[in-house]
Each structure stands twice: as structure tokens, then as C-alpha cells.
N, C-alpha and C. Protein backbone atom coordinates (compact mmCIF):
# COMPACT_ATOMS: atom_id res chain seq x y z
N MET A 1 23.73 -42.98 -144.65
CA MET A 1 24.01 -41.82 -142.91
C MET A 1 22.75 -41.37 -142.03
N GLY A 2 23.13 -41.88 -140.75
CA GLY A 2 21.53 -42.47 -140.31
C GLY A 2 21.98 -40.92 -138.38
N ARG A 3 20.82 -40.80 -138.78
CA ARG A 3 20.57 -39.83 -137.51
C ARG A 3 21.20 -39.58 -136.18
N LYS A 4 21.63 -38.24 -135.92
CA LYS A 4 22.45 -37.56 -134.51
C LYS A 4 21.27 -37.57 -133.75
N LYS A 5 21.37 -38.53 -133.02
CA LYS A 5 21.19 -39.08 -131.43
C LYS A 5 21.45 -37.17 -130.95
N LYS A 6 20.08 -37.35 -130.11
CA LYS A 6 20.16 -36.17 -129.24
C LYS A 6 19.97 -36.29 -127.75
N ASN A 7 20.75 -36.22 -127.37
CA ASN A 7 21.67 -35.85 -125.79
C ASN A 7 20.37 -34.96 -124.90
N PHE A 8 19.55 -35.85 -124.11
CA PHE A 8 18.91 -34.90 -123.07
C PHE A 8 19.50 -34.33 -122.63
N MET A 9 20.45 -33.94 -122.28
CA MET A 9 21.08 -33.46 -121.25
C MET A 9 21.65 -31.99 -121.73
N ASP A 10 21.48 -31.98 -122.91
CA ASP A 10 21.84 -30.86 -123.47
C ASP A 10 20.32 -30.26 -124.30
N PHE A 11 18.93 -30.46 -123.66
CA PHE A 11 17.67 -29.58 -123.93
C PHE A 11 17.70 -28.48 -123.40
N ILE A 12 17.50 -27.18 -123.50
CA ILE A 12 16.14 -26.06 -122.80
C ILE A 12 15.74 -26.47 -122.45
N PRO A 13 14.94 -25.90 -121.81
CA PRO A 13 13.68 -26.27 -121.24
C PRO A 13 13.52 -24.77 -120.75
N VAL A 14 12.02 -24.64 -120.77
CA VAL A 14 11.50 -23.32 -120.77
C VAL A 14 9.95 -23.49 -120.51
N CYS A 15 9.29 -22.48 -119.02
CA CYS A 15 8.10 -22.40 -119.05
C CYS A 15 7.50 -22.46 -119.54
N ASN A 16 6.09 -23.43 -119.65
CA ASN A 16 5.05 -22.81 -120.78
C ASN A 16 4.66 -21.35 -120.55
N PRO A 17 4.05 -19.77 -121.27
CA PRO A 17 4.32 -19.01 -121.42
C PRO A 17 2.30 -19.37 -120.81
N LEU A 18 1.84 -19.98 -121.26
CA LEU A 18 0.38 -20.04 -120.93
C LEU A 18 -0.34 -20.05 -119.57
N TYR A 19 1.06 -20.72 -118.16
CA TYR A 19 1.03 -21.00 -116.91
C TYR A 19 1.75 -19.78 -116.62
N THR A 20 0.35 -19.13 -115.77
CA THR A 20 0.82 -17.75 -114.52
C THR A 20 1.50 -18.56 -113.46
N TRP A 21 2.21 -18.11 -113.15
CA TRP A 21 2.95 -18.72 -111.82
C TRP A 21 3.83 -17.75 -110.47
N ASP A 22 3.87 -18.27 -109.06
CA ASP A 22 4.33 -17.26 -108.70
C ASP A 22 4.69 -18.14 -107.59
N ALA A 23 5.81 -17.68 -106.76
CA ALA A 23 6.53 -18.27 -105.55
C ALA A 23 6.09 -17.31 -104.02
N ASP A 24 6.25 -18.28 -103.11
CA ASP A 24 6.11 -18.01 -101.80
C ASP A 24 7.50 -17.22 -101.18
N LYS A 25 7.26 -17.88 -100.08
CA LYS A 25 8.04 -16.52 -99.55
C LYS A 25 9.13 -17.43 -98.69
N LYS A 26 9.22 -19.26 -98.95
CA LYS A 26 9.64 -20.22 -98.99
C LYS A 26 10.21 -20.60 -100.11
N GLY A 27 10.24 -20.37 -101.38
CA GLY A 27 10.45 -19.80 -102.32
C GLY A 27 10.08 -21.81 -103.69
N LYS A 28 8.66 -22.15 -102.38
CA LYS A 28 7.83 -22.97 -103.15
C LYS A 28 6.68 -22.34 -104.17
N VAL A 29 6.69 -23.10 -105.26
CA VAL A 29 6.02 -22.43 -106.40
C VAL A 29 4.98 -22.76 -106.79
N THR A 30 4.06 -22.26 -107.51
CA THR A 30 2.42 -22.56 -107.46
C THR A 30 2.40 -22.14 -108.67
N VAL A 31 1.56 -23.50 -109.80
CA VAL A 31 1.57 -22.85 -111.15
C VAL A 31 -0.39 -23.09 -111.24
N HIS A 32 -0.79 -21.36 -112.18
CA HIS A 32 -1.45 -21.69 -111.84
C HIS A 32 -2.83 -21.78 -113.64
N VAL A 33 -2.88 -23.37 -113.53
CA VAL A 33 -4.32 -23.15 -115.20
C VAL A 33 -4.98 -23.11 -115.20
N VAL A 34 -4.91 -22.24 -116.39
CA VAL A 34 -6.58 -21.51 -116.66
C VAL A 34 -7.11 -23.15 -117.28
N ASN A 35 -8.62 -23.91 -116.11
CA ASN A 35 -8.89 -24.35 -117.33
C ASN A 35 -9.86 -24.06 -118.32
N LYS A 36 -9.67 -24.00 -119.63
CA LYS A 36 -10.58 -23.94 -120.66
C LYS A 36 -11.29 -24.90 -122.16
N GLY A 37 -12.26 -25.16 -122.53
CA GLY A 37 -12.33 -25.79 -123.23
C GLY A 37 -13.66 -26.31 -123.69
N PHE A 38 -14.26 -27.03 -124.16
CA PHE A 38 -15.35 -27.32 -124.13
C PHE A 38 -15.91 -28.05 -123.08
N TYR A 39 -15.36 -29.37 -122.56
CA TYR A 39 -15.26 -30.30 -121.57
C TYR A 39 -14.98 -29.92 -120.20
N ASN A 40 -14.15 -28.57 -119.98
CA ASN A 40 -14.07 -27.89 -118.80
C ASN A 40 -14.66 -27.66 -118.98
N TRP A 41 -15.52 -27.00 -119.11
CA TRP A 41 -16.76 -25.65 -119.61
C TRP A 41 -18.06 -26.65 -118.77
N ILE A 42 -18.25 -27.71 -119.28
CA ILE A 42 -18.70 -28.63 -118.68
C ILE A 42 -18.93 -29.20 -117.63
N ALA A 43 -17.56 -29.01 -116.81
CA ALA A 43 -17.51 -29.97 -116.19
C ALA A 43 -16.95 -28.80 -114.72
N GLN A 44 -16.91 -27.57 -115.33
CA GLN A 44 -17.20 -26.01 -114.11
C GLN A 44 -18.95 -26.24 -114.14
N LYS A 45 -19.97 -26.40 -115.11
CA LYS A 45 -21.92 -26.38 -114.94
C LYS A 45 -21.40 -27.15 -113.88
N ILE A 46 -21.22 -28.38 -114.96
CA ILE A 46 -22.18 -29.53 -113.75
C ILE A 46 -21.37 -29.89 -112.51
N PHE A 47 -20.40 -30.97 -112.13
CA PHE A 47 -19.53 -30.84 -111.18
C PHE A 47 -19.05 -30.73 -110.11
N LYS A 48 -18.53 -28.71 -110.37
CA LYS A 48 -18.22 -27.78 -110.05
C LYS A 48 -17.10 -27.35 -109.34
N ARG A 49 -16.38 -28.24 -111.10
CA ARG A 49 -14.93 -27.80 -111.15
C ARG A 49 -14.39 -26.08 -111.47
N PRO A 50 -12.78 -26.46 -109.99
CA PRO A 50 -12.62 -24.94 -111.20
C PRO A 50 -11.80 -24.43 -111.86
N ARG A 51 -12.31 -22.88 -111.64
CA ARG A 51 -12.19 -22.44 -113.81
C ARG A 51 -10.12 -22.32 -113.34
N VAL A 52 -9.78 -21.91 -112.06
CA VAL A 52 -8.35 -22.21 -112.00
C VAL A 52 -7.85 -23.25 -111.64
N SER A 53 -6.72 -23.94 -111.80
CA SER A 53 -6.70 -25.71 -110.91
C SER A 53 -4.56 -24.14 -111.13
N HIS A 54 -4.75 -24.90 -109.43
CA HIS A 54 -4.10 -24.80 -108.33
C HIS A 54 -2.43 -24.97 -108.09
N ILE A 55 -1.60 -25.88 -109.04
CA ILE A 55 -0.44 -26.58 -108.83
C ILE A 55 0.79 -26.75 -107.68
N ALA A 56 0.35 -26.71 -106.12
CA ALA A 56 1.78 -26.59 -105.20
C ALA A 56 2.82 -27.52 -106.03
N LEU A 57 3.97 -27.50 -106.12
CA LEU A 57 5.27 -27.50 -106.21
C LEU A 57 6.14 -28.54 -104.32
N ASP A 58 6.89 -29.16 -104.90
CA ASP A 58 7.28 -29.45 -103.71
C ASP A 58 8.49 -28.85 -103.44
N GLU A 59 9.56 -29.12 -102.63
CA GLU A 59 10.77 -28.04 -102.93
C GLU A 59 11.74 -28.71 -103.53
N TYR A 60 11.92 -29.73 -104.71
CA TYR A 60 12.77 -29.92 -105.13
C TYR A 60 12.12 -29.16 -106.42
N GLY A 61 10.95 -29.42 -107.40
CA GLY A 61 10.10 -29.01 -108.07
C GLY A 61 10.64 -27.48 -108.19
N SER A 62 10.17 -26.83 -107.26
CA SER A 62 10.17 -25.52 -107.32
C SER A 62 11.61 -25.24 -107.40
N TYR A 63 12.64 -25.43 -106.78
CA TYR A 63 13.85 -25.17 -107.09
C TYR A 63 13.94 -25.17 -108.97
N VAL A 64 14.10 -26.18 -109.63
CA VAL A 64 13.76 -27.09 -110.87
C VAL A 64 12.94 -25.93 -111.74
N TRP A 65 12.04 -25.62 -111.16
CA TRP A 65 11.05 -24.47 -111.37
C TRP A 65 11.61 -23.28 -112.20
N GLN A 66 12.07 -22.70 -111.26
CA GLN A 66 12.52 -21.58 -111.30
C GLN A 66 14.30 -21.24 -111.76
N GLN A 67 14.40 -22.19 -112.16
CA GLN A 67 16.07 -22.58 -112.90
C GLN A 67 15.59 -22.24 -114.55
N MET A 68 14.14 -22.48 -114.76
CA MET A 68 13.89 -23.22 -116.06
C MET A 68 13.53 -21.73 -117.25
N ASP A 69 15.14 -21.28 -117.93
CA ASP A 69 14.68 -19.96 -117.68
C ASP A 69 15.40 -19.53 -119.33
N GLY A 70 15.66 -20.78 -119.95
CA GLY A 70 15.39 -20.56 -121.40
C GLY A 70 16.54 -20.60 -121.85
N LYS A 71 17.99 -20.52 -120.87
CA LYS A 71 19.30 -20.85 -120.89
C LYS A 71 19.76 -21.38 -120.02
N ARG A 72 19.12 -22.68 -119.91
CA ARG A 72 20.50 -23.32 -118.88
C ARG A 72 20.42 -24.31 -119.78
N CYS A 73 21.13 -25.81 -119.39
CA CYS A 73 20.94 -27.30 -120.08
C CYS A 73 20.03 -28.03 -118.77
N VAL A 74 19.73 -28.79 -119.71
CA VAL A 74 19.19 -30.25 -118.08
C VAL A 74 20.87 -30.43 -118.23
N TYR A 75 21.70 -30.51 -117.55
CA TYR A 75 22.68 -30.98 -117.44
C TYR A 75 23.58 -29.64 -115.94
N GLU A 76 23.68 -27.96 -116.99
CA GLU A 76 23.19 -27.48 -115.94
C GLU A 76 22.55 -27.01 -114.91
N ILE A 77 21.00 -27.19 -114.51
CA ILE A 77 20.66 -27.90 -113.64
C ILE A 77 21.08 -28.64 -112.92
N SER A 78 20.93 -29.44 -113.71
CA SER A 78 21.61 -30.92 -113.27
C SER A 78 22.23 -30.56 -111.25
N LYS A 79 23.59 -29.44 -111.83
CA LYS A 79 25.27 -29.58 -111.20
C LYS A 79 23.45 -28.20 -109.87
N LEU A 80 23.05 -27.50 -110.42
CA LEU A 80 22.65 -26.63 -109.95
C LEU A 80 21.97 -27.08 -108.79
N VAL A 81 20.75 -28.71 -109.12
CA VAL A 81 20.25 -28.86 -107.75
C VAL A 81 21.51 -29.83 -107.37
N SER A 82 22.58 -30.35 -107.64
CA SER A 82 23.33 -30.52 -106.39
C SER A 82 23.39 -30.25 -105.49
N ALA A 83 24.43 -28.52 -105.91
CA ALA A 83 24.69 -27.59 -105.56
C ALA A 83 24.25 -26.89 -104.07
N GLN A 84 23.12 -27.06 -104.64
CA GLN A 84 21.91 -26.35 -103.13
C GLN A 84 21.16 -27.44 -102.67
N PHE A 85 20.96 -28.30 -103.20
CA PHE A 85 20.55 -29.74 -102.08
C PHE A 85 21.82 -30.28 -101.66
N GLY A 86 22.99 -30.81 -101.93
CA GLY A 86 23.63 -31.42 -101.39
C GLY A 86 23.10 -32.81 -101.72
N GLU A 87 23.97 -34.02 -100.66
CA GLU A 87 23.26 -35.59 -100.70
C GLU A 87 22.20 -36.11 -99.99
N GLU A 88 21.17 -34.35 -99.97
CA GLU A 88 20.53 -34.61 -100.00
C GLU A 88 19.44 -35.09 -101.51
N ALA A 89 20.52 -34.30 -102.76
CA ALA A 89 19.41 -34.89 -103.80
C ALA A 89 19.95 -36.14 -104.80
N ASP A 90 19.88 -37.33 -103.63
CA ASP A 90 20.68 -38.45 -104.70
C ASP A 90 20.25 -38.57 -105.32
N SER A 91 20.88 -39.40 -106.07
CA SER A 91 20.89 -40.24 -107.75
C SER A 91 19.68 -39.17 -108.44
N VAL A 92 20.55 -37.13 -107.85
CA VAL A 92 19.94 -35.86 -109.17
C VAL A 92 18.92 -36.60 -110.14
N VAL A 93 20.41 -37.16 -111.33
CA VAL A 93 20.80 -37.47 -112.87
C VAL A 93 18.76 -37.75 -112.82
N PRO A 94 18.65 -38.55 -112.86
CA PRO A 94 17.48 -39.24 -113.13
C PRO A 94 16.32 -39.14 -112.89
N ARG A 95 16.18 -38.29 -111.85
CA ARG A 95 14.66 -38.28 -111.11
C ARG A 95 14.64 -36.46 -112.11
N LEU A 96 15.33 -35.78 -112.17
CA LEU A 96 15.75 -34.55 -112.98
C LEU A 96 14.66 -34.74 -114.12
N VAL A 97 15.38 -35.86 -115.20
CA VAL A 97 15.13 -36.40 -116.22
C VAL A 97 13.86 -36.81 -116.14
N LYS A 98 13.33 -37.59 -115.67
CA LYS A 98 12.16 -38.39 -115.35
C LYS A 98 11.42 -36.73 -114.72
N TYR A 99 11.66 -35.91 -114.25
CA TYR A 99 10.34 -35.24 -113.68
C TYR A 99 10.52 -33.52 -114.98
N ILE A 100 11.51 -33.87 -115.53
CA ILE A 100 11.01 -32.56 -116.53
C ILE A 100 10.64 -33.86 -117.78
N GLN A 101 10.42 -34.72 -118.40
CA GLN A 101 10.02 -35.52 -119.12
C GLN A 101 8.81 -35.29 -118.73
N ILE A 102 8.00 -35.43 -117.09
CA ILE A 102 7.14 -35.71 -116.98
C ILE A 102 6.49 -34.05 -117.71
N LEU A 103 6.46 -32.79 -117.34
CA LEU A 103 6.40 -31.76 -117.58
C LEU A 103 5.92 -31.34 -117.90
N TYR A 104 6.46 -31.79 -119.61
CA TYR A 104 7.25 -31.84 -121.03
C TYR A 104 5.65 -32.53 -121.84
N GLN A 105 5.07 -34.02 -120.68
CA GLN A 105 4.60 -34.61 -120.93
C GLN A 105 2.70 -33.91 -120.88
N ASN A 106 3.57 -33.35 -119.74
CA ASN A 106 2.58 -32.49 -119.38
C ASN A 106 1.55 -30.83 -119.73
N GLN A 107 2.29 -30.76 -120.17
CA GLN A 107 2.68 -29.08 -121.54
C GLN A 107 2.89 -28.30 -120.33
N PHE A 108 3.82 -28.40 -119.42
CA PHE A 108 4.07 -27.42 -118.59
C PHE A 108 4.92 -26.88 -119.21
N ILE A 109 6.30 -27.20 -119.92
CA ILE A 109 7.32 -26.67 -120.10
C ILE A 109 7.28 -26.81 -121.65
N GLY A 110 8.67 -26.50 -122.36
CA GLY A 110 8.29 -26.68 -123.79
C GLY A 110 10.12 -26.94 -124.06
N TYR A 111 10.70 -26.96 -124.21
CA TYR A 111 12.43 -26.60 -125.65
C TYR A 111 12.56 -25.57 -126.34
N VAL A 112 13.72 -24.79 -126.23
CA VAL A 112 13.91 -24.11 -127.24
C VAL A 112 15.11 -23.95 -127.54
N LYS A 113 16.03 -23.91 -128.60
CA LYS A 113 16.64 -24.13 -130.27
C LYS A 113 18.31 -24.04 -129.24
N LYS A 114 19.51 -24.04 -129.38
CA LYS A 114 20.31 -22.62 -128.93
C LYS A 114 20.87 -22.10 -129.76
């Protein structure tokens, strides 16, 4: 028997608990990343790099970030994005999938099992 292929739309993303984040009054999210480790320490001392990096997300990214609660799958989030932004969010599925993949590759999110 072959392996079962997993459908990416069934994945349930959740924000990485190692990173704190907050949202302003307009709903824009800023993720705070503490730069730890030996090489980051050297960069902070020699090149005056900040101890905490603040990553500001755009309107779409902020909305998606707030929907990743560990309960909603990618498909449900795509429906919410379509409902929130309407025609403004054309081709929402491919863009959302790529965005979530980038967040996962950079360890900003993980996936939980059903």
C-alpha cells in the first residue's frame, strides 16, 4: 500500500508560543522575536543589532495571524479571509498557502494534529 497524501488545506496552523505578539487599534500585528544564541550575541555586541526584532505584518498577514488559533484549518481560514476582504483578496488560496508555508519555514508557526 502507498502512503496517504496529506491535504495542506486540512493542516491546523498555530502561532509559535516562543514569540510574543500584539495588535494595535487598527488590527495590525507586530511579532516580537528575541534574538538568542552565540552568533546573535556577537551581532548585538559588535554590529549593534537589537536584542528583540519587531516584525510588523500587513493587513492580510495580521488578519491571518489572528485566525491561527490551533482550531481552524487552512481551508477555514481561507473562507474567513474571503469573507473579510471580498474581491480585494483575489486568488486567496494560493497566496494563503504560500504565506503559511513561509511562516512555517521561518518557524513562526507550527501545525497541530486533529
